[in-house]
Amino acid sequence: LRQANVRLVSGRGKSEATFGNPKPQFSSHSFGCHFVEVTWQPEIVRLRVNRVVTVIDAGRIINPLAGRNQIEGAVVMGIGMALLEHTVYDPQNGAPINSNLADYVMAVNADVPKLDVHFLDYPDTTLNELGARGIGEIGLAGFAAAVTAATYHATGVRVRELPIKIEDLLASSLVA
């Protein structure tokens, strides 16, 4: 029998949190960047996301397949947020009109291009021994803004409200 490598941890049971520290020494946050390319076809009134490259720095990625799936799912949610999803309310009573999956428009497989997800995979051992940080919501943060920026570059119309409405793009392009 081999002897197990056992390590005893002792202490007072008190942790020193850095939350609220005005000058923390290290960051425990993950970082990400989205690069989005859209295609605007005004003759057929069509705006599509046709390319997405996402780069994430979340320390060591313990399960690359699950991590990639997490980020891809967030990007699909971001496409829906930026281009499709909108709740319509009844002006009489304020109840949502499209409150079921038959009436609510969401992103589907045909709306999503091939997604290119990259992890820097640089372990952050100052945070923990594994060097891993969380990637729970980092894939969605900033994605709708990347789509609106790409839309501005493709159309010349600055979008300030989500979802991006085709009628706003057409109305602004007629004025210009």
Protein backbone atom coordinates (compact mmCIF):
# COMPACT_ATOMS: atom_id res chain seq x y z
CA LEU A 1 0.00 0.00 0.00
CA ARG A 2 1.20 3.45 -0.87
CA GLN A 3 0.90 6.11 1.72
CA ALA A 4 -1.54 8.84 0.69
CA ASN A 5 -0.29 12.38 0.51
CA VAL A 6 -2.21 13.90 3.41
CA ARG A 7 -2.05 17.56 4.22
CA LEU A 8 -3.48 19.03 7.37
CA VAL A 9 -4.85 22.54 7.26
CA SER A 10 -4.96 24.46 10.47
CA GLY A 11 -6.05 27.97 11.23
CA ARG A 12 -8.39 30.07 13.26
CA GLY A 13 -11.37 29.56 10.96
CA LYS A 14 -11.35 33.19 9.94
CA SER A 15 -10.91 34.30 6.36
CA GLU A 16 -9.63 37.59 5.13
CA ALA A 17 -12.03 38.67 2.43
CA THR A 18 -11.09 41.33 -0.09
CA PHE A 19 -14.67 42.30 -0.97
CA GLY A 20 -15.08 46.02 -0.66
CA ASN A 21 -11.34 46.61 -0.47
CA PRO A 22 -10.81 49.94 -2.27
CA LYS A 23 -7.34 48.88 -3.45
CA PRO A 24 -7.34 45.10 -3.91
CA GLN A 25 -4.01 43.58 -4.83
CA PHE A 26 -5.42 40.98 -7.24
CA SER A 27 -8.55 40.59 -9.35
CA SER A 28 -10.68 37.48 -9.07
CA HIS A 29 -12.75 38.27 -12.16
CA SER A 30 -12.71 36.54 -15.50
CA PHE A 31 -12.37 38.59 -18.65
CA GLY A 32 -13.74 38.17 -22.13
CA CYS A 33 -13.93 39.83 -25.50
CA HIS A 34 -16.39 39.30 -28.34
CA PHE A 35 -15.72 40.06 -32.00
CA VAL A 36 -18.90 40.09 -34.08
CA GLU A 37 -19.48 40.51 -37.80
CA VAL A 38 -22.97 41.18 -39.12
CA THR A 39 -24.35 41.22 -42.64
CA TRP A 40 -26.87 43.91 -43.53
CA GLN A 41 -28.84 43.39 -46.70
CA PRO A 42 -31.20 46.39 -47.04
CA GLU A 43 -32.67 45.17 -50.36
CA ILE A 44 -34.22 42.19 -48.57
CA VAL A 45 -34.28 43.86 -45.13
CA ARG A 46 -32.10 41.28 -43.41
CA LEU A 47 -29.62 41.67 -40.56
CA ARG A 48 -27.72 38.55 -39.55
CA VAL A 49 -24.83 37.70 -37.30
CA ASN A 50 -22.52 35.78 -39.60
CA ARG A 51 -19.31 35.48 -37.58
CA VAL A 52 -18.45 35.39 -33.88
CA VAL A 53 -15.03 35.06 -32.26
CA THR A 54 -14.96 35.01 -28.46
CA VAL A 55 -11.81 35.01 -26.33
CA ILE A 56 -12.09 34.27 -22.61
CA ASP A 57 -9.50 34.58 -19.85
CA ALA A 58 -10.80 32.52 -16.95
CA GLY A 59 -7.60 31.04 -15.61
CA ARG A 60 -7.21 27.28 -15.98
CA ILE A 61 -10.12 25.70 -17.79
CA ILE A 62 -10.77 22.47 -15.92
CA ASN A 63 -13.31 21.04 -18.38
CA PRO A 64 -12.74 22.61 -21.83
CA LEU A 65 -15.76 20.97 -23.46
CA ALA A 66 -18.19 22.11 -20.76
CA GLY A 67 -16.57 25.55 -20.70
CA ARG A 68 -16.90 25.93 -24.46
CA ASN A 69 -20.54 24.82 -24.30
CA GLN A 70 -21.18 27.39 -21.55
CA ILE A 71 -19.76 30.22 -23.66
CA GLU A 72 -21.52 29.06 -26.85
CA GLY A 73 -24.84 28.97 -24.99
CA ALA A 74 -24.26 32.49 -23.71
CA VAL A 75 -23.46 33.72 -27.24
CA VAL A 76 -26.70 32.19 -28.55
CA MET A 77 -28.56 33.97 -25.73
CA GLY A 78 -26.78 37.18 -26.72
CA ILE A 79 -27.88 36.83 -30.34
CA GLY A 80 -31.45 36.43 -29.13
CA MET A 81 -31.09 39.41 -26.81
CA ALA A 82 -29.65 41.67 -29.50
CA LEU A 83 -31.83 40.74 -32.47
CA LEU A 84 -34.96 38.83 -31.53
CA GLU A 85 -36.26 38.71 -27.99
CA HIS A 86 -38.82 41.30 -26.99
CA THR A 87 -41.81 41.12 -24.69
CA VAL A 88 -44.95 42.92 -25.91
CA TYR A 89 -47.32 44.20 -23.24
CA ASP A 90 -51.07 44.80 -23.48
CA PRO A 91 -51.64 48.56 -23.05
CA GLN A 92 -54.98 47.93 -21.30
CA ASN A 93 -53.77 45.83 -18.37
CA GLY A 94 -49.97 45.57 -18.70
CA ALA A 95 -50.02 41.78 -19.12
CA PRO A 96 -47.48 40.27 -21.52
CA ILE A 97 -49.04 39.36 -24.85
CA ASN A 98 -46.31 36.99 -26.03
CA SER A 99 -45.97 35.09 -22.77
CA ASN A 100 -45.60 31.60 -24.24
CA LEU A 101 -43.03 29.85 -26.39
CA ALA A 102 -45.35 29.83 -29.40
CA ASP A 103 -45.41 33.65 -29.57
CA TYR A 104 -42.02 34.59 -28.11
CA VAL A 105 -39.25 34.74 -30.72
CA MET A 106 -35.92 33.24 -29.63
CA ALA A 107 -32.68 32.38 -31.38
CA VAL A 108 -32.66 28.96 -33.02
CA ASN A 109 -29.98 26.97 -34.80
CA ALA A 110 -30.58 28.78 -38.12
CA ASP A 111 -29.86 32.16 -36.44
CA VAL A 112 -26.47 31.13 -35.11
CA PRO A 113 -23.28 31.07 -37.20
CA LYS A 114 -20.28 28.86 -36.48
CA LEU A 115 -18.94 30.07 -33.14
CA ASP A 116 -15.22 30.39 -32.56
CA VAL A 117 -14.44 30.22 -28.82
CA HIS A 118 -10.90 30.49 -27.46
CA PHE A 119 -9.67 30.20 -23.88
CA LEU A 120 -6.35 31.71 -22.89
CA ASP A 121 -5.98 28.92 -20.30
CA TYR A 122 -3.44 30.77 -18.19
CA PRO A 123 -3.73 29.46 -14.60
CA ASP A 124 -4.30 32.14 -11.98
CA THR A 125 -2.72 30.53 -8.92
CA THR A 126 -2.94 33.73 -6.85
CA LEU A 127 -6.69 33.12 -6.57
CA ASN A 128 -6.65 29.38 -5.79
CA GLU A 129 -4.41 26.35 -6.17
CA LEU A 130 -6.13 25.13 -9.33
CA GLY A 131 -5.75 28.50 -10.97
CA ALA A 132 -9.38 28.50 -12.16
CA ARG A 133 -11.87 31.35 -12.20
CA GLY A 134 -15.58 31.28 -13.00
CA ILE A 135 -17.10 31.58 -16.47
CA GLY A 136 -20.77 31.57 -15.46
CA GLU A 137 -21.92 34.81 -17.10
CA ILE A 138 -18.81 36.11 -18.85
CA GLY A 139 -19.94 34.74 -22.22
CA LEU A 140 -23.03 36.98 -22.26
CA ALA A 141 -21.51 40.13 -20.80
CA GLY A 142 -20.93 42.62 -23.58
CA PHE A 143 -22.17 40.45 -26.41
CA ALA A 144 -25.23 42.54 -27.29
CA ALA A 145 -23.00 45.62 -27.27
CA ALA A 146 -20.66 43.89 -29.73
CA VAL A 147 -23.62 43.16 -32.02
CA THR A 148 -24.83 46.77 -31.87
CA ALA A 149 -21.30 48.02 -32.62
CA ALA A 150 -21.07 45.68 -35.61
CA THR A 151 -24.51 46.86 -36.74
CA TYR A 152 -23.31 50.46 -36.58
CA HIS A 153 -20.28 49.62 -38.71
CA ALA A 154 -22.45 47.77 -41.25
CA THR A 155 -25.32 50.27 -41.46
CA GLY A 156 -24.12 53.59 -40.08
CA VAL A 157 -27.04 53.55 -37.64
CA ARG A 158 -26.27 53.77 -33.92
CA VAL A 159 -28.63 51.44 -32.04
CA ARG A 160 -29.49 52.41 -28.47
CA GLU A 161 -32.33 50.02 -27.71
CA LEU A 162 -32.60 46.24 -27.76
CA PRO A 163 -33.62 44.29 -29.66
CA ILE A 164 -32.35 45.90 -32.83
CA LYS A 165 -35.42 46.64 -34.94
CA ILE A 166 -35.24 46.49 -38.71
CA GLU A 167 -37.63 49.44 -39.00
CA ASP A 168 -35.20 51.62 -37.05
CA LEU A 169 -32.38 50.66 -39.41
CA LEU A 170 -34.53 51.38 -42.45
CA ALA A 171 -35.88 54.68 -41.11
CA SER A 172 -32.41 55.94 -40.25
CA SER A 173 -30.97 54.83 -43.58
CA LEU A 174 -33.72 56.71 -45.45
CA VAL A 175 -32.95 59.93 -43.53
CA ALA A 176 -29.22 59.70 -44.20
